[in-house]
């Protein structure tokens, strides 16, 4: 527990340093986007050790055609600490990114970005490191300063802004009627309205989350199943 506290203090110190590098000025325009990538991770245990797979699915923005896929599996040694998830996931993301032959214009992460106590969710943290526009899409709400969110109307793409201390941290968005909302926040080099439009464009009737992260999520489950099956056969 003492080591965990040391890790947490060190991670928060890094986040506070990176926070000053969030770029909200040089934002990407929707017309500039030709390709975008969805990023997701899945975890499993092998004995006492923890492993994860990171999957990246690159898509054409206009046609929604999958251009390429990449994945990487590795052991995870960083403990889970609330508010510091990026430190567990970014090293594996960066390794996976090296397998891409293309250079996506934008990355969509399964997780938060600006909607974070220090505005340093994985989408923002990664966006600063790779110097690319990024968006965070979370399926569950990460409460900041005990702030609750307002449930949007039950109609497509109704949303409510999440305002904390008079600052907009993100939006809760209902992509389809009668489904759970998602939690949208900018990562880096993008504004919230543009991020919202991208979510609209990339959300299909088959899923309430945007297609890039939906496909990355499905891929992580496939790869995890393959690896855990290998362990069971031994």
C-alpha atoms as a PDB file:
ATOM      1  CA  UNK A   1       0.000   0.000   0.000  1.00  0.00           C
ATOM      2  CA  UNK A   2       2.896   2.341   0.807  1.00  0.00           C
ATOM      3  CA  UNK A   3       4.466   1.690  -2.627  1.00  0.00           C
ATOM      4  CA  UNK A   4       1.086   2.340  -4.219  1.00  0.00           C
ATOM      5  CA  UNK A   5       0.967   5.762  -2.541  1.00  0.00           C
ATOM      6  CA  UNK A   6       4.450   6.569  -3.836  1.00  0.00           C
ATOM      7  CA  UNK A   7       3.373   5.601  -7.361  1.00  0.00           C
ATOM      8  CA  UNK A   8       0.240   7.724  -7.082  1.00  0.00           C
ATOM      9  CA  UNK A   9       2.121  10.809  -5.927  1.00  0.00           C
ATOM     10  CA  UNK A  10       4.660  10.416  -8.738  1.00  0.00           C
ATOM     11  CA  UNK A  11       1.941   9.913 -11.359  1.00  0.00           C
ATOM     12  CA  UNK A  12      -0.030  12.940 -10.204  1.00  0.00           C
ATOM     13  CA  UNK A  13       3.140  15.052 -10.343  1.00  0.00           C
ATOM     14  CA  UNK A  14       3.603  14.005 -13.982  1.00  0.00           C
ATOM     15  CA  UNK A  15      -0.034  14.805 -14.742  1.00  0.00           C
ATOM     16  CA  UNK A  16       0.308  18.272 -13.272  1.00  0.00           C
ATOM     17  CA  UNK A  17       3.354  18.898 -15.484  1.00  0.00           C
ATOM     18  CA  UNK A  18       1.596  17.623 -18.614  1.00  0.00           C
ATOM     19  CA  UNK A  19      -1.568  19.581 -17.863  1.00  0.00           C
ATOM     20  CA  UNK A  20       0.146  22.769 -18.981  1.00  0.00           C
ATOM     21  CA  UNK A  21       0.793  21.201 -22.400  1.00  0.00           C
ATOM     22  CA  UNK A  22      -2.863  20.594 -23.288  1.00  0.00           C
ATOM     23  CA  UNK A  23      -3.363  22.279 -26.662  1.00  0.00           C
ATOM     24  CA  UNK A  24      -6.789  23.867 -27.084  1.00  0.00           C
ATOM     25  CA  UNK A  25      -5.622  26.346 -29.720  1.00  0.00           C
ATOM     26  CA  UNK A  26      -4.298  24.276 -32.631  1.00  0.00           C
ATOM     27  CA  UNK A  27      -7.487  22.275 -33.037  1.00  0.00           C
ATOM     28  CA  UNK A  28      -8.268  20.032 -35.973  1.00  0.00           C
ATOM     29  CA  UNK A  29     -11.139  20.897 -38.292  1.00  0.00           C
ATOM     30  CA  UNK A  30     -13.621  18.267 -39.365  1.00  0.00           C
ATOM     31  CA  UNK A  31     -12.710  18.840 -43.015  1.00  0.00           C
ATOM     32  CA  UNK A  32      -9.101  17.869 -42.264  1.00  0.00           C
ATOM     33  CA  UNK A  33      -9.953  14.371 -41.088  1.00  0.00           C
ATOM     34  CA  UNK A  34      -9.386  11.581 -43.579  1.00  0.00           C
ATOM     35  CA  UNK A  35      -8.715   8.689 -41.224  1.00  0.00           C
ATOM     36  CA  UNK A  36      -9.195   8.047 -37.539  1.00  0.00           C
ATOM     37  CA  UNK A  37      -8.326   5.246 -35.148  1.00  0.00           C
ATOM     38  CA  UNK A  38     -10.174   3.588 -32.291  1.00  0.00           C
ATOM     39  CA  UNK A  39      -8.155   2.393 -29.299  1.00  0.00           C
ATOM     40  CA  UNK A  40      -9.166  -0.077 -26.591  1.00  0.00           C
ATOM     41  CA  UNK A  41      -7.519  -2.457 -24.106  1.00  0.00           C
ATOM     42  CA  UNK A  42      -8.588  -5.652 -22.379  1.00  0.00           C
ATOM     43  CA  UNK A  43      -6.998  -7.394 -19.386  1.00  0.00           C
ATOM     44  CA  UNK A  44      -6.658 -10.918 -18.009  1.00  0.00           C
ATOM     45  CA  UNK A  45      -4.717 -12.788 -15.349  1.00  0.00           C
ATOM     46  CA  UNK A  46      -2.165 -15.557 -15.888  1.00  0.00           C
ATOM     47  CA  UNK A  47      -1.532 -16.904 -12.417  1.00  0.00           C
ATOM     48  CA  UNK A  48      -0.506 -13.935 -10.334  1.00  0.00           C
ATOM     49  CA  UNK A  49       0.557 -11.913 -13.352  1.00  0.00           C
ATOM     50  CA  UNK A  50      -1.635  -9.488 -15.280  1.00  0.00           C
ATOM     51  CA  UNK A  51      -1.616  -9.129 -19.039  1.00  0.00           C
ATOM     52  CA  UNK A  52      -3.364  -6.830 -21.486  1.00  0.00           C
ATOM     53  CA  UNK A  53      -3.933  -6.446 -25.180  1.00  0.00           C
ATOM     54  CA  UNK A  54      -4.196  -3.082 -26.905  1.00  0.00           C
ATOM     55  CA  UNK A  55      -6.027  -2.968 -30.221  1.00  0.00           C
ATOM     56  CA  UNK A  56      -6.071  -0.110 -32.725  1.00  0.00           C
ATOM     57  CA  UNK A  57      -8.503  -0.041 -35.639  1.00  0.00           C
ATOM     58  CA  UNK A  58      -7.912   2.584 -38.320  1.00  0.00           C
ATOM     59  CA  UNK A  59     -10.877   3.649 -40.448  1.00  0.00           C
ATOM     60  CA  UNK A  60     -11.603   5.922 -43.375  1.00  0.00           C
ATOM     61  CA  UNK A  61     -13.663   8.799 -41.984  1.00  0.00           C
ATOM     62  CA  UNK A  62     -15.959   9.200 -44.986  1.00  0.00           C
ATOM     63  CA  UNK A  63     -16.526   5.595 -46.051  1.00  0.00           C
ATOM     64  CA  UNK A  64     -16.159   3.948 -42.613  1.00  0.00           C
ATOM     65  CA  UNK A  65     -14.019   1.289 -44.267  1.00  0.00           C
ATOM     66  CA  UNK A  66     -11.440  -0.404 -42.057  1.00  0.00           C
ATOM     67  CA  UNK A  67      -7.992   0.491 -43.368  1.00  0.00           C
ATOM     68  CA  UNK A  68      -5.849  -1.516 -40.973  1.00  0.00           C
ATOM     69  CA  UNK A  69      -5.711  -3.154 -37.573  1.00  0.00           C
ATOM     70  CA  UNK A  70      -2.899  -3.638 -35.090  1.00  0.00           C
ATOM     71  CA  UNK A  71      -2.554  -5.188 -31.670  1.00  0.00           C
ATOM     72  CA  UNK A  72       0.084  -5.866 -29.032  1.00  0.00           C
ATOM     73  CA  UNK A  73       0.043  -8.060 -25.921  1.00  0.00           C
ATOM     74  CA  UNK A  74       2.249  -7.468 -22.909  1.00  0.00           C
ATOM     75  CA  UNK A  75       2.543  -7.978 -19.181  1.00  0.00           C
ATOM     76  CA  UNK A  76       1.193  -5.122 -17.036  1.00  0.00           C
ATOM     77  CA  UNK A  77       3.233  -4.198 -13.974  1.00  0.00           C
ATOM     78  CA  UNK A  78       1.687  -0.814 -13.172  1.00  0.00           C
ATOM     79  CA  UNK A  79      -1.007  -1.122 -10.474  1.00  0.00           C
ATOM     80  CA  UNK A  80      -4.498   0.241 -11.021  1.00  0.00           C
ATOM     81  CA  UNK A  81      -4.811   3.622  -9.310  1.00  0.00           C
ATOM     82  CA  UNK A  82      -7.995   5.674  -9.808  1.00  0.00           C
ATOM     83  CA  UNK A  83      -7.230   8.802 -11.804  1.00  0.00           C
ATOM     84  CA  UNK A  84      -3.951   7.334 -13.074  1.00  0.00           C
ATOM     85  CA  UNK A  85      -5.188   4.725 -15.532  1.00  0.00           C
ATOM     86  CA  UNK A  86      -3.156   6.218 -18.370  1.00  0.00           C
ATOM     87  CA  UNK A  87       0.077   5.041 -16.773  1.00  0.00           C
ATOM     88  CA  UNK A  88      -1.117   1.432 -17.098  1.00  0.00           C
ATOM     89  CA  UNK A  89      -2.344   1.751 -20.668  1.00  0.00           C
ATOM     90  CA  UNK A  90      -0.226   4.267 -22.570  1.00  0.00           C
ATOM     91  CA  UNK A  91       2.999   2.193 -22.721  1.00  0.00           C
ATOM     92  CA  UNK A  92       1.123  -0.634 -24.440  1.00  0.00           C
ATOM     93  CA  UNK A  93      -0.721   1.817 -26.694  1.00  0.00           C
ATOM     94  CA  UNK A  94       2.571   3.334 -27.837  1.00  0.00           C
ATOM     95  CA  UNK A  95       3.957  -0.139 -28.603  1.00  0.00           C
ATOM     96  CA  UNK A  96       0.844  -1.000 -30.609  1.00  0.00           C
ATOM     97  CA  UNK A  97       0.974   2.283 -32.507  1.00  0.00           C
ATOM     98  CA  UNK A  98       4.415   1.288 -33.821  1.00  0.00           C
ATOM     99  CA  UNK A  99       2.776  -1.571 -35.758  1.00  0.00           C
ATOM    100  CA  UNK A 100       0.637   0.805 -37.805  1.00  0.00           C
ATOM    101  CA  UNK A 101       1.724   1.493 -41.359  1.00  0.00           C
ATOM    102  CA  UNK A 102      -0.546   4.538 -41.628  1.00  0.00           C
ATOM    103  CA  UNK A 103      -0.666   7.770 -39.647  1.00  0.00           C
ATOM    104  CA  UNK A 104      -4.288   8.416 -38.544  1.00  0.00           C
ATOM    105  CA  UNK A 105      -5.390  12.022 -38.321  1.00  0.00           C
ATOM    106  CA  UNK A 106      -7.180  11.467 -35.018  1.00  0.00           C
ATOM    107  CA  UNK A 107      -7.431   8.855 -32.237  1.00  0.00           C
ATOM    108  CA  UNK A 108     -10.576   7.946 -30.296  1.00  0.00           C
ATOM    109  CA  UNK A 109      -9.908   6.286 -26.925  1.00  0.00           C
ATOM    110  CA  UNK A 110     -12.162   4.106 -24.832  1.00  0.00           C
ATOM    111  CA  UNK A 111     -11.762   6.275 -21.756  1.00  0.00           C
ATOM    112  CA  UNK A 112     -11.794   9.865 -20.591  1.00  0.00           C
ATOM    113  CA  UNK A 113      -9.782  12.858 -21.660  1.00  0.00           C
ATOM    114  CA  UNK A 114     -10.539  16.284 -20.208  1.00  0.00           C
ATOM    115  CA  UNK A 115     -13.233  14.734 -17.997  1.00  0.00           C
ATOM    116  CA  UNK A 116     -10.776  13.996 -15.222  1.00  0.00           C
ATOM    117  CA  UNK A 117      -9.790  15.668 -11.916  1.00  0.00           C
ATOM    118  CA  UNK A 118      -6.636  17.056 -13.539  1.00  0.00           C
ATOM    119  CA  UNK A 119      -7.926  16.982 -17.154  1.00  0.00           C
ATOM    120  CA  UNK A 120      -5.472  14.154 -17.764  1.00  0.00           C
ATOM    121  CA  UNK A 121      -7.464  11.102 -18.765  1.00  0.00           C
ATOM    122  CA  UNK A 122      -5.844   8.688 -21.225  1.00  0.00           C
ATOM    123  CA  UNK A 123      -7.105  10.543 -24.310  1.00  0.00           C
ATOM    124  CA  UNK A 124      -5.472  13.795 -23.208  1.00  0.00           C
ATOM    125  CA  UNK A 125      -2.301  12.176 -21.870  1.00  0.00           C
ATOM    126  CA  UNK A 126      -1.796  10.178 -25.073  1.00  0.00           C
ATOM    127  CA  UNK A 127      -2.670  13.139 -27.287  1.00  0.00           C
ATOM    128  CA  UNK A 128       0.082  15.210 -25.713  1.00  0.00           C
ATOM    129  CA  UNK A 129       2.647  12.426 -26.100  1.00  0.00           C
ATOM    130  CA  UNK A 130       1.881  11.630 -29.750  1.00  0.00           C
ATOM    131  CA  UNK A 131       0.965  15.220 -30.693  1.00  0.00           C
ATOM    132  CA  UNK A 132      -2.261  14.171 -32.380  1.00  0.00           C
ATOM    133  CA  UNK A 133      -5.903  15.213 -31.958  1.00  0.00           C
ATOM    134  CA  UNK A 134      -7.654  12.828 -29.580  1.00  0.00           C
ATOM    135  CA  UNK A 135     -11.137  12.188 -28.193  1.00  0.00           C
ATOM    136  CA  UNK A 136     -12.204  10.336 -25.053  1.00  0.00           C
ATOM    137  CA  UNK A 137     -15.353   8.194 -25.038  1.00  0.00           C
ATOM    138  CA  UNK A 138     -16.179   6.530 -21.719  1.00  0.00           C
ATOM    139  CA  UNK A 139     -19.028   4.086 -21.177  1.00  0.00           C
ATOM    140  CA  UNK A 140     -19.220   4.796 -17.448  1.00  0.00           C
ATOM    141  CA  UNK A 141     -19.101   8.068 -15.554  1.00  0.00           C
ATOM    142  CA  UNK A 142     -15.943   8.983 -13.682  1.00  0.00           C
ATOM    143  CA  UNK A 143     -17.213  11.373 -11.036  1.00  0.00           C
ATOM    144  CA  UNK A 144     -15.123  14.487 -10.485  1.00  0.00           C
ATOM    145  CA  UNK A 145     -15.551  16.570  -7.321  1.00  0.00           C
ATOM    146  CA  UNK A 146     -18.753  14.656  -6.465  1.00  0.00           C
ATOM    147  CA  UNK A 147     -20.471  16.263  -9.451  1.00  0.00           C
ATOM    148  CA  UNK A 148     -23.439  14.335 -10.799  1.00  0.00           C
ATOM    149  CA  UNK A 149     -24.524  14.562 -14.412  1.00  0.00           C
ATOM    150  CA  UNK A 150     -27.931  15.408 -15.868  1.00  0.00           C
ATOM    151  CA  UNK A 151     -29.519  12.630 -17.915  1.00  0.00           C
ATOM    152  CA  UNK A 152     -30.113  13.771 -21.524  1.00  0.00           C
ATOM    153  CA  UNK A 153     -33.474  13.572 -23.249  1.00  0.00           C
ATOM    154  CA  UNK A 154     -34.405  10.193 -24.687  1.00  0.00           C
ATOM    155  CA  UNK A 155     -33.683  11.058 -28.297  1.00  0.00           C
ATOM    156  CA  UNK A 156     -30.722  10.616 -30.668  1.00  0.00           C
ATOM    157  CA  UNK A 157     -27.695  12.697 -29.719  1.00  0.00           C
ATOM    158  CA  UNK A 158     -29.383  14.623 -26.983  1.00  0.00           C
ATOM    159  CA  UNK A 159     -26.712  15.765 -24.546  1.00  0.00           C
ATOM    160  CA  UNK A 160     -26.047  17.649 -21.353  1.00  0.00           C
ATOM    161  CA  UNK A 161     -22.786  19.372 -20.568  1.00  0.00           C
ATOM    162  CA  UNK A 162     -20.850  18.293 -17.501  1.00  0.00           C
ATOM    163  CA  UNK A 163     -19.916  21.520 -15.748  1.00  0.00           C
ATOM    164  CA  UNK A 164     -17.617  21.500 -12.729  1.00  0.00           C
ATOM    165  CA  UNK A 165     -16.583  24.722 -10.989  1.00  0.00           C
ATOM    166  CA  UNK A 166     -18.054  26.726 -13.891  1.00  0.00           C
ATOM    167  CA  UNK A 167     -15.917  24.847 -16.421  1.00  0.00           C
ATOM    168  CA  UNK A 168     -17.156  22.407 -19.087  1.00  0.00           C
ATOM    169  CA  UNK A 169     -15.357  19.085 -18.596  1.00  0.00           C
ATOM    170  CA  UNK A 170     -17.316  17.102 -21.183  1.00  0.00           C
ATOM    171  CA  UNK A 171     -20.765  15.955 -22.268  1.00  0.00           C
ATOM    172  CA  UNK A 172     -23.066  13.097 -21.445  1.00  0.00           C
ATOM    173  CA  UNK A 173     -24.518  12.001 -24.784  1.00  0.00           C
ATOM    174  CA  UNK A 174     -27.391   9.667 -25.612  1.00  0.00           C
ATOM    175  CA  UNK A 175     -26.508   8.316 -29.049  1.00  0.00           C
ATOM    176  CA  UNK A 176     -29.704   6.259 -29.426  1.00  0.00           C
ATOM    177  CA  UNK A 177     -33.084   6.303 -27.666  1.00  0.00           C
ATOM    178  CA  UNK A 178     -33.521   3.856 -24.792  1.00  0.00           C
ATOM    179  CA  UNK A 179     -29.804   3.126 -24.397  1.00  0.00           C
ATOM    180  CA  UNK A 180     -27.258   4.155 -21.798  1.00  0.00           C
ATOM    181  CA  UNK A 181     -25.480   7.431 -22.543  1.00  0.00           C
ATOM    182  CA  UNK A 182     -21.779   7.772 -23.223  1.00  0.00           C
ATOM    183  CA  UNK A 183     -19.410  10.339 -21.754  1.00  0.00           C
ATOM    184  CA  UNK A 184     -17.587  12.478 -24.282  1.00  0.00           C
ATOM    185  CA  UNK A 185     -14.607  14.688 -23.610  1.00  0.00           C
ATOM    186  CA  UNK A 186     -11.883  16.213 -25.690  1.00  0.00           C
ATOM    187  CA  UNK A 187      -8.422  14.775 -25.506  1.00  0.00           C
ATOM    188  CA  UNK A 188      -6.089  17.220 -27.169  1.00  0.00           C
ATOM    189  CA  UNK A 189      -6.022  19.488 -30.234  1.00  0.00           C
ATOM    190  CA  UNK A 190      -9.791  19.351 -30.762  1.00  0.00           C
ATOM    191  CA  UNK A 191     -12.826  21.279 -29.538  1.00  0.00           C
ATOM    192  CA  UNK A 192     -15.909  19.725 -27.980  1.00  0.00           C
ATOM    193  CA  UNK A 193     -18.308  20.597 -30.806  1.00  0.00           C
ATOM    194  CA  UNK A 194     -16.038  18.991 -33.417  1.00  0.00           C
ATOM    195  CA  UNK A 195     -15.622  15.935 -31.216  1.00  0.00           C
ATOM    196  CA  UNK A 196     -19.399  15.708 -30.915  1.00  0.00           C
ATOM    197  CA  UNK A 197     -19.838  15.860 -34.695  1.00  0.00           C
ATOM    198  CA  UNK A 198     -17.287  13.085 -35.170  1.00  0.00           C
ATOM    199  CA  UNK A 199     -19.148  10.935 -32.664  1.00  0.00           C
ATOM    200  CA  UNK A 200     -22.367  11.539 -34.604  1.00  0.00           C
ATOM    201  CA  UNK A 201     -20.731  10.656 -37.906  1.00  0.00           C
ATOM    202  CA  UNK A 202     -19.115   7.469 -36.589  1.00  0.00           C
ATOM    203  CA  UNK A 203     -21.999   6.045 -34.548  1.00  0.00           C
ATOM    204  CA  UNK A 204     -24.117   3.459 -36.354  1.00  0.00           C
ATOM    205  CA  UNK A 205     -27.429   1.850 -35.422  1.00  0.00           C
ATOM    206  CA  UNK A 206     -25.623  -1.339 -34.334  1.00  0.00           C
ATOM    207  CA  UNK A 207     -23.956   0.225 -31.284  1.00  0.00           C
ATOM    208  CA  UNK A 208     -24.282   3.166 -28.926  1.00  0.00           C
ATOM    209  CA  UNK A 209     -20.532   3.841 -29.013  1.00  0.00           C
ATOM    210  CA  UNK A 210     -18.656   5.168 -32.073  1.00  0.00           C
ATOM    211  CA  UNK A 211     -17.579   2.571 -34.607  1.00  0.00           C
ATOM    212  CA  UNK A 212     -13.780   2.943 -34.186  1.00  0.00           C
ATOM    213  CA  UNK A 213     -13.820   2.122 -30.470  1.00  0.00           C
ATOM    214  CA  UNK A 214     -16.603  -0.424 -30.992  1.00  0.00           C
ATOM    215  CA  UNK A 215     -14.445  -2.375 -33.446  1.00  0.00           C
ATOM    216  CA  UNK A 216     -11.361  -2.016 -31.245  1.00  0.00           C
ATOM    217  CA  UNK A 217     -13.382  -3.317 -28.295  1.00  0.00           C
ATOM    218  CA  UNK A 218     -14.561  -6.373 -30.262  1.00  0.00           C
ATOM    219  CA  UNK A 219     -11.000  -7.046 -31.368  1.00  0.00           C
ATOM    220  CA  UNK A 220      -9.664  -6.941 -27.792  1.00  0.00           C
ATOM    221  CA  UNK A 221     -12.191  -9.584 -26.772  1.00  0.00           C
ATOM    222  CA  UNK A 222     -11.145 -11.815 -29.681  1.00  0.00           C
ATOM    223  CA  UNK A 223      -7.433 -11.539 -28.901  1.00  0.00           C
ATOM    224  CA  UNK A 224      -7.953 -12.033 -25.166  1.00  0.00           C
ATOM    225  CA  UNK A 225     -10.019 -15.146 -25.872  1.00  0.00           C
ATOM    226  CA  UNK A 226      -7.234 -16.563 -28.029  1.00  0.00           C
ATOM    227  CA  UNK A 227      -4.583 -15.999 -25.377  1.00  0.00           C
ATOM    228  CA  UNK A 228      -6.624 -17.305 -22.469  1.00  0.00           C
ATOM    229  CA  UNK A 229      -7.597 -20.378 -24.512  1.00  0.00           C
ATOM    230  CA  UNK A 230      -3.913 -21.126 -25.125  1.00  0.00           C
ATOM    231  CA  UNK A 231      -3.290 -21.024 -21.370  1.00  0.00           C
ATOM    232  CA  UNK A 232      -6.162 -23.415 -20.683  1.00  0.00           C
ATOM    233  CA  UNK A 233      -4.825 -25.883 -23.268  1.00  0.00           C
ATOM    234  CA  UNK A 234      -1.446 -26.116 -21.562  1.00  0.00           C
END
